[in-house]
């Protein structure tokens, strides 16, 4: 499980960091702790109990370089891109929506572009959390690096909880079952 976001407290509550927020919600629920290995630009945690086979990773390379940590992770855990699930924000979904897809393009998302470029494929599942489109007078960069409004926050908090539940279910069910559950809710 790869959650995308930007490192540092400056970005912690921004729309672009919902990928981190989903994994951190899962960590709080399951009581696991993220660790940062020496000289590696990432934080990771392995889950316990029923989710023992899931590794949660947060790249600390900034969004547009997220892919740089992935080849070594795939090698270390003997995974293919198709078995790596990326949790990421999506401005084409309404604020608070959650969708799971088997694969896709970048949708102009720099984190997904970085992953696809480094891996040589975009054939990896992604769990999207909707952050909505920017207002007409707001740039995309301002929007994704901005914080949620008071009205958006409850929608996003529910979406993060639902996405974290989806991640938990991915540790127990087949991708098809979780895809159906997330995409019909």
N, C-alpha and C. Protein backbone atom coordinates (compact mmCIF):
# COMPACT_ATOMS: atom_id res chain seq x y z
N UNK A 1 0.86 -1.15 0.00
CA UNK A 1 0.00 0.00 0.00
C UNK A 1 0.90 1.22 0.00
N UNK A 2 0.72 2.07 -0.97
CA UNK A 2 1.53 3.27 -1.10
C UNK A 2 0.61 4.47 -1.01
N UNK A 3 0.75 5.27 0.04
CA UNK A 3 -0.03 6.49 0.19
C UNK A 3 0.79 7.66 -0.31
N UNK A 4 0.21 8.49 -1.18
CA UNK A 4 0.96 9.61 -1.72
C UNK A 4 0.62 10.91 -1.00
N UNK A 5 1.63 11.75 -0.87
CA UNK A 5 1.48 13.05 -0.23
C UNK A 5 2.80 13.78 -0.27
N UNK A 6 2.86 14.88 0.43
CA UNK A 6 4.08 15.66 0.55
C UNK A 6 4.54 15.61 2.00
N UNK A 7 5.86 15.52 2.24
CA UNK A 7 6.36 15.43 3.61
C UNK A 7 6.32 16.78 4.32
N UNK A 8 6.28 16.71 5.63
CA UNK A 8 6.41 17.91 6.45
C UNK A 8 5.09 18.46 6.95
N UNK A 9 5.17 19.17 8.07
CA UNK A 9 3.97 19.71 8.71
C UNK A 9 3.27 20.75 7.85
N UNK A 10 4.01 21.42 6.99
CA UNK A 10 3.41 22.44 6.12
C UNK A 10 2.30 21.85 5.24
N UNK A 11 2.43 20.59 4.86
CA UNK A 11 1.49 19.96 3.93
C UNK A 11 0.53 18.98 4.60
N UNK A 12 0.68 18.78 5.90
CA UNK A 12 -0.04 17.71 6.59
C UNK A 12 -1.55 17.71 6.37
N UNK A 13 -2.18 18.84 6.37
CA UNK A 13 -3.65 18.90 6.26
C UNK A 13 -4.13 19.29 4.86
N UNK A 14 -3.24 19.28 3.88
CA UNK A 14 -3.63 19.71 2.54
C UNK A 14 -4.39 18.61 1.80
N UNK A 15 -5.08 19.02 0.76
CA UNK A 15 -5.83 18.08 -0.08
C UNK A 15 -4.91 17.02 -0.69
N UNK A 16 -3.72 17.43 -1.06
CA UNK A 16 -2.78 16.52 -1.72
C UNK A 16 -2.31 15.40 -0.79
N UNK A 17 -2.54 15.53 0.51
CA UNK A 17 -2.02 14.55 1.47
C UNK A 17 -3.06 13.54 1.95
N UNK A 18 -4.18 13.41 1.26
CA UNK A 18 -5.17 12.43 1.72
C UNK A 18 -4.64 11.00 1.62
N UNK A 19 -3.70 10.74 0.73
CA UNK A 19 -3.09 9.40 0.67
C UNK A 19 -2.38 9.06 1.97
N UNK A 20 -1.63 10.00 2.51
CA UNK A 20 -0.99 9.82 3.81
C UNK A 20 -2.06 9.67 4.90
N UNK A 21 -3.10 10.49 4.84
CA UNK A 21 -4.13 10.48 5.87
C UNK A 21 -4.83 9.12 5.96
N UNK A 22 -5.05 8.48 4.83
CA UNK A 22 -5.69 7.15 4.83
C UNK A 22 -4.80 6.15 5.55
N UNK A 23 -3.51 6.13 5.23
CA UNK A 23 -2.61 5.17 5.88
C UNK A 23 -2.44 5.49 7.37
N UNK A 24 -2.41 6.76 7.72
CA UNK A 24 -2.29 7.13 9.13
C UNK A 24 -3.55 6.79 9.91
N UNK A 25 -4.71 6.86 9.26
CA UNK A 25 -5.95 6.42 9.90
C UNK A 25 -5.91 4.92 10.15
N UNK A 26 -5.45 4.18 9.18
CA UNK A 26 -5.29 2.74 9.35
C UNK A 26 -4.31 2.43 10.48
N UNK A 27 -3.23 3.19 10.58
CA UNK A 27 -2.25 2.98 11.65
C UNK A 27 -2.88 3.21 13.02
N UNK A 28 -3.67 4.26 13.15
CA UNK A 28 -4.34 4.53 14.43
C UNK A 28 -5.30 3.39 14.78
N UNK A 29 -6.06 2.92 13.80
CA UNK A 29 -7.01 1.83 14.05
C UNK A 29 -6.33 0.56 14.50
N UNK A 30 -5.24 0.22 13.83
CA UNK A 30 -4.58 -1.07 14.05
C UNK A 30 -3.42 -1.01 15.04
N UNK A 31 -3.06 0.19 15.47
CA UNK A 31 -2.01 0.33 16.47
C UNK A 31 -0.61 0.07 15.96
N UNK A 32 -0.37 0.29 14.69
CA UNK A 32 1.00 0.15 14.22
C UNK A 32 1.63 1.52 14.04
N UNK A 33 2.95 1.52 14.00
CA UNK A 33 3.72 2.76 14.00
C UNK A 33 4.59 2.81 12.74
N UNK A 34 4.63 3.97 12.13
CA UNK A 34 5.50 4.18 10.98
C UNK A 34 6.94 4.37 11.46
N UNK A 35 7.87 3.83 10.68
CA UNK A 35 9.30 3.97 10.95
C UNK A 35 9.96 4.57 9.72
N UNK A 36 11.04 5.28 9.96
CA UNK A 36 11.81 5.82 8.84
C UNK A 36 13.19 5.17 8.85
N UNK A 37 13.46 4.33 7.86
CA UNK A 37 14.78 3.70 7.81
C UNK A 37 15.86 4.74 7.52
N UNK A 38 17.06 4.49 8.04
CA UNK A 38 18.17 5.40 7.79
C UNK A 38 18.43 5.53 6.29
N UNK A 39 18.65 6.74 5.86
CA UNK A 39 19.05 7.06 4.50
C UNK A 39 18.04 6.63 3.44
N UNK A 40 16.78 6.50 3.80
CA UNK A 40 15.73 6.16 2.83
C UNK A 40 14.67 7.25 2.89
N UNK A 41 14.23 7.74 1.74
CA UNK A 41 13.24 8.82 1.71
C UNK A 41 11.80 8.28 1.80
N UNK A 42 11.50 7.57 2.91
CA UNK A 42 10.16 7.02 3.08
C UNK A 42 9.91 6.70 4.54
N UNK A 43 8.63 6.52 4.85
CA UNK A 43 8.18 5.98 6.13
C UNK A 43 7.41 4.72 5.81
N UNK A 44 7.51 3.70 6.65
CA UNK A 44 6.77 2.47 6.37
C UNK A 44 6.30 1.83 7.67
N UNK A 45 5.31 0.99 7.53
CA UNK A 45 4.81 0.19 8.64
C UNK A 45 4.27 -1.10 8.08
N UNK A 46 4.46 -2.16 8.83
CA UNK A 46 3.83 -3.42 8.47
C UNK A 46 2.70 -3.64 9.45
N UNK A 47 1.58 -4.10 8.93
CA UNK A 47 0.39 -4.27 9.75
C UNK A 47 0.48 -5.56 10.55
N UNK A 48 -0.39 -5.66 11.56
CA UNK A 48 -0.41 -6.84 12.42
C UNK A 48 -1.75 -7.55 12.29
N UNK A 49 -1.82 -8.74 12.82
CA UNK A 49 -3.07 -9.49 12.83
C UNK A 49 -3.47 -9.94 11.44
N UNK A 50 -4.75 -9.76 11.14
CA UNK A 50 -5.30 -10.22 9.85
C UNK A 50 -4.65 -9.52 8.67
N UNK A 51 -4.03 -8.38 8.91
CA UNK A 51 -3.43 -7.62 7.82
C UNK A 51 -1.91 -7.80 7.75
N UNK A 52 -1.39 -8.91 8.24
CA UNK A 52 0.05 -9.09 8.34
C UNK A 52 0.77 -8.98 7.01
N UNK A 53 0.08 -9.18 5.92
CA UNK A 53 0.76 -9.16 4.63
C UNK A 53 0.77 -7.78 3.97
N UNK A 54 0.25 -6.76 4.63
CA UNK A 54 0.20 -5.43 4.03
C UNK A 54 1.31 -4.55 4.59
N UNK A 55 2.04 -3.93 3.69
CA UNK A 55 3.07 -2.97 4.04
C UNK A 55 2.56 -1.60 3.59
N UNK A 56 2.56 -0.65 4.50
CA UNK A 56 2.10 0.71 4.20
C UNK A 56 3.33 1.61 4.08
N UNK A 57 3.40 2.35 2.98
CA UNK A 57 4.57 3.19 2.71
C UNK A 57 4.13 4.59 2.33
N UNK A 58 4.82 5.57 2.89
CA UNK A 58 4.65 6.98 2.54
C UNK A 58 5.98 7.50 2.00
N UNK A 59 6.08 7.77 0.70
CA UNK A 59 7.31 8.37 0.17
C UNK A 59 7.50 9.77 0.75
N UNK A 60 8.71 10.12 1.07
CA UNK A 60 9.01 11.46 1.60
C UNK A 60 9.80 12.27 0.58
N UNK A 61 9.45 12.10 -0.67
CA UNK A 61 10.19 12.70 -1.77
C UNK A 61 9.45 13.85 -2.43
N UNK A 62 8.34 14.25 -1.90
CA UNK A 62 7.40 15.18 -2.51
C UNK A 62 6.67 14.46 -3.64
N UNK A 63 5.49 14.92 -3.90
CA UNK A 63 4.57 14.24 -4.80
C UNK A 63 5.17 13.93 -6.16
N UNK A 64 5.80 14.90 -6.77
CA UNK A 64 6.25 14.72 -8.15
C UNK A 64 7.46 13.78 -8.29
N UNK A 65 7.96 13.25 -7.18
CA UNK A 65 9.06 12.27 -7.22
C UNK A 65 8.70 11.01 -6.46
N UNK A 66 7.42 10.76 -6.26
CA UNK A 66 6.96 9.61 -5.48
C UNK A 66 7.47 8.28 -5.99
N UNK A 67 7.64 8.16 -7.29
CA UNK A 67 8.03 6.90 -7.88
C UNK A 67 9.44 6.45 -7.56
N UNK A 68 10.30 7.34 -7.13
CA UNK A 68 11.70 6.98 -6.93
C UNK A 68 11.91 5.91 -5.86
N UNK A 69 11.00 5.79 -4.89
CA UNK A 69 11.16 4.81 -3.82
C UNK A 69 10.59 3.44 -4.18
N UNK A 70 9.81 3.37 -5.24
CA UNK A 70 9.03 2.17 -5.51
C UNK A 70 9.82 0.97 -6.04
N UNK A 71 10.72 1.10 -6.99
CA UNK A 71 11.40 -0.09 -7.49
C UNK A 71 12.07 -0.92 -6.39
N UNK A 72 12.75 -0.26 -5.48
CA UNK A 72 13.41 -0.99 -4.38
C UNK A 72 12.38 -1.68 -3.48
N UNK A 73 11.24 -1.03 -3.23
CA UNK A 73 10.20 -1.64 -2.41
C UNK A 73 9.61 -2.88 -3.08
N UNK A 74 9.33 -2.76 -4.36
CA UNK A 74 8.78 -3.91 -5.08
C UNK A 74 9.75 -5.08 -5.04
N UNK A 75 11.03 -4.79 -5.21
CA UNK A 75 12.04 -5.84 -5.16
C UNK A 75 12.13 -6.44 -3.76
N UNK A 76 12.17 -5.60 -2.74
CA UNK A 76 12.32 -6.09 -1.37
C UNK A 76 11.17 -6.99 -0.96
N UNK A 77 9.94 -6.64 -1.37
CA UNK A 77 8.77 -7.41 -0.95
C UNK A 77 8.28 -8.36 -2.04
N UNK A 78 9.06 -8.54 -3.08
CA UNK A 78 8.73 -9.46 -4.19
C UNK A 78 7.34 -9.19 -4.76
N UNK A 79 7.09 -7.93 -5.09
CA UNK A 79 5.78 -7.53 -5.63
C UNK A 79 5.93 -7.07 -7.07
N UNK A 80 4.83 -7.15 -7.78
CA UNK A 80 4.74 -6.55 -9.11
C UNK A 80 3.89 -5.29 -8.99
N UNK A 81 3.98 -4.36 -9.94
CA UNK A 81 3.16 -3.15 -9.86
C UNK A 81 1.66 -3.45 -9.72
N UNK A 82 1.19 -4.54 -10.31
CA UNK A 82 -0.23 -4.88 -10.25
C UNK A 82 -0.69 -5.23 -8.84
N UNK A 83 0.25 -5.56 -7.96
CA UNK A 83 -0.09 -5.92 -6.57
C UNK A 83 0.14 -4.76 -5.60
N UNK A 84 0.58 -3.63 -6.13
CA UNK A 84 0.81 -2.44 -5.31
C UNK A 84 -0.42 -1.54 -5.45
N UNK A 85 -1.00 -1.14 -4.34
CA UNK A 85 -2.17 -0.27 -4.40
C UNK A 85 -1.75 1.12 -3.94
N UNK A 86 -2.07 2.11 -4.76
CA UNK A 86 -1.68 3.49 -4.49
C UNK A 86 -2.90 4.26 -4.00
N UNK A 87 -2.78 4.91 -2.86
CA UNK A 87 -3.84 5.73 -2.30
C UNK A 87 -3.50 7.18 -2.59
N UNK A 88 -4.42 7.88 -3.28
CA UNK A 88 -4.07 9.20 -3.82
C UNK A 88 -5.30 10.09 -3.92
N UNK A 89 -5.08 11.39 -3.89
CA UNK A 89 -6.16 12.36 -4.09
C UNK A 89 -6.57 12.41 -5.56
N UNK A 90 -7.81 12.85 -5.80
CA UNK A 90 -8.31 12.97 -7.18
C UNK A 90 -9.21 14.19 -7.25
N UNK A 91 -8.80 15.18 -8.02
CA UNK A 91 -9.62 16.39 -8.12
C UNK A 91 -10.76 16.25 -9.11
N UNK A 92 -10.81 15.16 -9.87
CA UNK A 92 -11.93 14.92 -10.77
C UNK A 92 -13.11 14.24 -10.07
N UNK A 93 -12.92 13.83 -8.83
CA UNK A 93 -14.01 13.26 -8.03
C UNK A 93 -14.52 14.33 -7.08
N UNK A 94 -15.81 14.32 -6.80
CA UNK A 94 -16.34 15.28 -5.82
C UNK A 94 -15.67 15.09 -4.46
N UNK A 95 -15.58 16.16 -3.73
CA UNK A 95 -14.98 16.11 -2.41
C UNK A 95 -15.68 15.04 -1.56
N UNK A 96 -14.90 14.11 -1.06
CA UNK A 96 -15.43 13.06 -0.20
C UNK A 96 -15.77 11.76 -0.89
N UNK A 97 -15.71 11.70 -2.20
CA UNK A 97 -15.98 10.45 -2.92
C UNK A 97 -14.75 9.54 -2.82
N UNK A 98 -14.99 8.23 -2.87
CA UNK A 98 -13.91 7.24 -2.85
C UNK A 98 -14.14 6.27 -3.99
N UNK A 99 -13.09 6.00 -4.77
CA UNK A 99 -13.20 5.07 -5.90
C UNK A 99 -11.93 4.23 -5.97
N UNK A 100 -12.11 2.97 -6.35
CA UNK A 100 -10.99 2.06 -6.55
C UNK A 100 -10.97 1.65 -8.01
N UNK A 101 -9.80 1.73 -8.64
CA UNK A 101 -9.64 1.34 -10.04
C UNK A 101 -8.47 0.37 -10.16
N UNK A 102 -8.57 -0.54 -11.10
CA UNK A 102 -7.50 -1.51 -11.34
C UNK A 102 -6.24 -0.86 -11.90
N UNK A 103 -6.42 0.13 -12.75
CA UNK A 103 -5.30 0.82 -13.38
C UNK A 103 -5.84 2.09 -14.02
N UNK A 104 -5.00 2.79 -14.74
CA UNK A 104 -5.45 4.00 -15.41
C UNK A 104 -4.26 4.86 -15.80
N UNK A 105 -4.56 6.06 -16.19
CA UNK A 105 -3.52 7.00 -16.57
C UNK A 105 -3.15 7.89 -15.40
N UNK A 106 -2.62 9.06 -15.71
CA UNK A 106 -2.18 9.96 -14.66
C UNK A 106 -3.25 10.96 -14.25
N UNK A 107 -4.20 11.24 -15.14
CA UNK A 107 -5.19 12.29 -14.89
C UNK A 107 -4.50 13.58 -14.46
N UNK A 108 -3.37 13.88 -15.04
CA UNK A 108 -2.53 15.04 -14.74
C UNK A 108 -2.00 15.04 -13.31
N UNK A 109 -1.99 13.92 -12.65
CA UNK A 109 -1.50 13.83 -11.28
C UNK A 109 0.01 13.53 -11.30
N UNK A 110 0.80 14.44 -10.75
CA UNK A 110 2.25 14.30 -10.81
C UNK A 110 2.76 13.08 -10.04
N UNK A 111 2.12 12.70 -8.95
CA UNK A 111 2.54 11.52 -8.21
C UNK A 111 2.33 10.26 -9.03
N UNK A 112 1.18 10.13 -9.68
CA UNK A 112 0.92 8.97 -10.53
C UNK A 112 1.84 8.98 -11.75
N UNK A 113 2.10 10.15 -12.29
CA UNK A 113 3.01 10.26 -13.43
C UNK A 113 4.41 9.77 -13.04
N UNK A 114 4.87 10.16 -11.87
CA UNK A 114 6.18 9.73 -11.39
C UNK A 114 6.22 8.21 -11.23
N UNK A 115 5.20 7.64 -10.64
CA UNK A 115 5.15 6.18 -10.46
C UNK A 115 5.19 5.47 -11.81
N UNK A 116 4.32 5.88 -12.73
CA UNK A 116 4.25 5.24 -14.03
C UNK A 116 5.54 5.37 -14.82
N UNK A 117 6.18 6.52 -14.73
CA UNK A 117 7.43 6.74 -15.44
C UNK A 117 8.53 5.83 -14.91
N UNK A 118 8.66 5.77 -13.60
CA UNK A 118 9.70 4.94 -12.98
C UNK A 118 9.44 3.45 -13.22
N UNK A 119 8.17 3.04 -13.12
CA UNK A 119 7.84 1.62 -13.28
C UNK A 119 7.74 1.19 -14.74
N UNK A 120 7.53 2.15 -15.63
CA UNK A 120 7.35 1.80 -17.04
C UNK A 120 5.96 1.28 -17.34
N UNK A 121 5.03 1.46 -16.40
CA UNK A 121 3.65 1.02 -16.57
C UNK A 121 2.73 1.81 -15.64
N UNK A 122 1.49 1.94 -16.07
CA UNK A 122 0.46 2.54 -15.22
C UNK A 122 -0.53 1.47 -14.77
N UNK A 123 -0.14 0.21 -14.93
CA UNK A 123 -1.00 -0.93 -14.59
C UNK A 123 -0.85 -1.28 -13.11
N UNK A 124 -1.29 -0.35 -12.25
CA UNK A 124 -1.32 -0.61 -10.82
C UNK A 124 -2.62 -0.06 -10.27
N UNK A 125 -3.24 -0.77 -9.31
CA UNK A 125 -4.50 -0.29 -8.74
C UNK A 125 -4.29 1.01 -7.96
N UNK A 126 -5.34 1.82 -7.98
CA UNK A 126 -5.29 3.06 -7.21
C UNK A 126 -6.62 3.27 -6.50
N UNK A 127 -6.50 3.74 -5.27
CA UNK A 127 -7.65 4.06 -4.43
C UNK A 127 -7.70 5.58 -4.34
N UNK A 128 -8.71 6.15 -4.99
CA UNK A 128 -8.83 7.60 -5.07
C UNK A 128 -9.72 8.15 -3.97
N UNK A 129 -9.32 9.28 -3.39
CA UNK A 129 -10.15 10.04 -2.48
C UNK A 129 -10.40 11.39 -3.16
N UNK A 130 -11.67 11.70 -3.40
CA UNK A 130 -12.02 12.92 -4.11
C UNK A 130 -11.76 14.17 -3.30
N UNK A 131 -11.16 15.16 -3.96
CA UNK A 131 -10.89 16.45 -3.31
C UNK A 131 -11.62 17.59 -4.03
N UNK A 132 -12.37 17.26 -5.08
CA UNK A 132 -13.13 18.26 -5.81
C UNK A 132 -12.26 19.17 -6.67
N UNK A 133 -12.92 19.90 -7.56
CA UNK A 133 -12.24 20.82 -8.48
C UNK A 133 -12.04 22.18 -7.79
N UNK A 134 -11.01 22.91 -8.21
CA UNK A 134 -10.81 24.24 -7.64
C UNK A 134 -11.89 25.22 -8.10
N UNK A 135 -12.09 26.23 -7.30
CA UNK A 135 -12.99 27.32 -7.69
C UNK A 135 -12.41 28.01 -8.92
N UNK A 136 -13.25 28.67 -9.73
CA UNK A 136 -12.77 29.31 -10.97
C UNK A 136 -11.60 30.29 -10.76
N UNK A 137 -11.52 30.92 -9.63
CA UNK A 137 -10.45 31.89 -9.39
C UNK A 137 -9.24 31.29 -8.65
N UNK A 138 -9.19 29.95 -8.55
CA UNK A 138 -8.12 29.27 -7.82
C UNK A 138 -7.37 28.34 -8.77
N UNK A 139 -6.04 28.38 -8.75
CA UNK A 139 -5.25 27.48 -9.58
C UNK A 139 -5.29 26.07 -9.01
N UNK A 140 -4.99 25.10 -9.84
CA UNK A 140 -4.95 23.70 -9.39
C UNK A 140 -3.91 23.55 -8.28
N UNK A 141 -2.76 24.18 -8.44
CA UNK A 141 -1.70 24.07 -7.42
C UNK A 141 -2.18 24.63 -6.09
N UNK A 142 -2.80 25.82 -6.11
CA UNK A 142 -3.34 26.40 -4.87
C UNK A 142 -4.37 25.47 -4.25
N UNK A 143 -5.18 24.85 -5.10
CA UNK A 143 -6.24 23.97 -4.61
C UNK A 143 -5.67 22.73 -3.92
N UNK A 144 -4.79 22.00 -4.60
CA UNK A 144 -4.29 20.75 -4.03
C UNK A 144 -3.39 21.00 -2.83
N UNK A 145 -2.72 22.14 -2.78
CA UNK A 145 -1.86 22.46 -1.63
C UNK A 145 -2.60 23.26 -0.56
N UNK A 146 -3.89 23.46 -0.78
CA UNK A 146 -4.71 24.16 0.20
C UNK A 146 -5.37 23.17 1.16
N UNK A 147 -5.92 23.71 2.23
CA UNK A 147 -6.61 22.89 3.21
C UNK A 147 -8.11 22.83 2.88
N UNK A 148 -8.77 21.84 3.42
CA UNK A 148 -10.20 21.69 3.20
C UNK A 148 -10.96 22.75 3.97
N UNK A 149 -12.08 23.19 3.40
CA UNK A 149 -12.93 24.15 4.09
C UNK A 149 -13.67 23.44 5.22
N UNK A 150 -14.28 24.23 6.09
CA UNK A 150 -15.05 23.66 7.20
C UNK A 150 -16.19 22.78 6.67
N UNK A 151 -16.78 23.16 5.55
CA UNK A 151 -17.85 22.36 4.96
C UNK A 151 -17.36 21.08 4.30
N UNK A 152 -16.14 21.11 3.77
CA UNK A 152 -15.56 19.92 3.12
C UNK A 152 -15.00 18.91 4.12
N UNK A 153 -14.53 19.40 5.25
CA UNK A 153 -13.82 18.54 6.20
C UNK A 153 -14.61 17.30 6.63
N UNK A 154 -15.89 17.42 6.99
CA UNK A 154 -16.62 16.20 7.39
C UNK A 154 -16.74 15.19 6.24
N UNK A 155 -16.91 15.68 5.01
CA UNK A 155 -16.99 14.79 3.85
C UNK A 155 -15.68 14.04 3.66
N UNK A 156 -14.58 14.76 3.76
CA UNK A 156 -13.26 14.16 3.57
C UNK A 156 -12.93 13.21 4.70
N UNK A 157 -13.26 13.57 5.93
CA UNK A 157 -13.00 12.67 7.05
C UNK A 157 -13.73 11.34 6.88
N UNK A 158 -14.98 11.39 6.42
CA UNK A 158 -15.74 10.14 6.16
C UNK A 158 -15.09 9.35 5.02
N UNK A 159 -14.63 10.06 3.99
CA UNK A 159 -13.99 9.40 2.86
C UNK A 159 -12.68 8.73 3.29
N UNK A 160 -11.92 9.39 4.12
CA UNK A 160 -10.67 8.82 4.62
C UNK A 160 -10.97 7.56 5.43
N UNK A 161 -11.98 7.61 6.28
CA UNK A 161 -12.38 6.43 7.06
C UNK A 161 -12.81 5.29 6.14
N UNK A 162 -13.61 5.61 5.12
CA UNK A 162 -14.07 4.59 4.18
C UNK A 162 -12.90 4.00 3.39
N UNK A 163 -11.99 4.85 2.96
CA UNK A 163 -10.81 4.37 2.23
C UNK A 163 -9.96 3.48 3.13
N UNK A 164 -9.79 3.85 4.40
CA UNK A 164 -9.02 3.02 5.33
C UNK A 164 -9.70 1.67 5.53
N UNK A 165 -11.01 1.66 5.58
CA UNK A 165 -11.74 0.39 5.66
C UNK A 165 -11.51 -0.43 4.40
N UNK A 166 -11.48 0.23 3.25
CA UNK A 166 -11.18 -0.45 2.00
C UNK A 166 -9.80 -1.09 2.03
N UNK A 167 -8.83 -0.38 2.58
CA UNK A 167 -7.48 -0.93 2.71
C UNK A 167 -7.51 -2.16 3.61
N UNK A 168 -8.23 -2.07 4.73
CA UNK A 168 -8.35 -3.23 5.62
C UNK A 168 -8.96 -4.41 4.88
N UNK A 169 -9.99 -4.15 4.12
CA UNK A 169 -10.66 -5.23 3.37
C UNK A 169 -9.74 -5.82 2.31
N UNK A 170 -8.86 -5.01 1.75
CA UNK A 170 -7.91 -5.53 0.76
C UNK A 170 -6.97 -6.56 1.38
N UNK A 171 -6.76 -6.48 2.69
CA UNK A 171 -5.95 -7.47 3.38
C UNK A 171 -6.69 -8.78 3.61
N UNK A 172 -8.01 -8.76 3.39
CA UNK A 172 -8.84 -9.93 3.69
C UNK A 172 -9.58 -10.47 2.47
N UNK A 173 -9.90 -9.63 1.51
CA UNK A 173 -10.71 -10.00 0.35
C UNK A 173 -9.96 -9.82 -0.95
N UNK A 174 -10.53 -10.36 -2.00
CA UNK A 174 -9.99 -10.17 -3.34
C UNK A 174 -10.25 -8.74 -3.79
N UNK A 175 -9.42 -8.26 -4.70
CA UNK A 175 -9.55 -6.90 -5.23
C UNK A 175 -10.94 -6.67 -5.81
N UNK A 176 -11.50 -7.65 -6.54
CA UNK A 176 -12.82 -7.48 -7.16
C UNK A 176 -13.90 -7.20 -6.13
N UNK A 177 -13.87 -7.91 -5.00
CA UNK A 177 -14.90 -7.71 -3.97
C UNK A 177 -14.78 -6.32 -3.34
N UNK A 178 -13.56 -5.91 -3.08
CA UNK A 178 -13.34 -4.59 -2.47
C UNK A 178 -13.69 -3.49 -3.47
N UNK A 179 -13.34 -3.71 -4.73
CA UNK A 179 -13.67 -2.75 -5.79
C UNK A 179 -15.18 -2.54 -5.85
N UNK A 180 -15.94 -3.62 -5.80
CA UNK A 180 -17.40 -3.51 -5.84
C UNK A 180 -17.92 -2.80 -4.59
N UNK A 181 -17.40 -3.14 -3.42
CA UNK A 181 -17.86 -2.53 -2.17
C UNK A 181 -17.59 -1.03 -2.17
N UNK A 182 -16.38 -0.64 -2.54
CA UNK A 182 -16.03 0.80 -2.51
C UNK A 182 -16.81 1.57 -3.57
N UNK A 183 -16.88 1.04 -4.77
CA UNK A 183 -17.45 1.79 -5.88
C UNK A 183 -18.97 1.84 -5.88
N UNK A 184 -19.62 1.03 -5.05
CA UNK A 184 -21.09 1.10 -4.97
C UNK A 184 -21.55 1.85 -3.72
N UNK A 185 -20.61 2.26 -2.87
CA UNK A 185 -20.98 2.94 -1.62
C UNK A 185 -20.97 4.42 -1.72
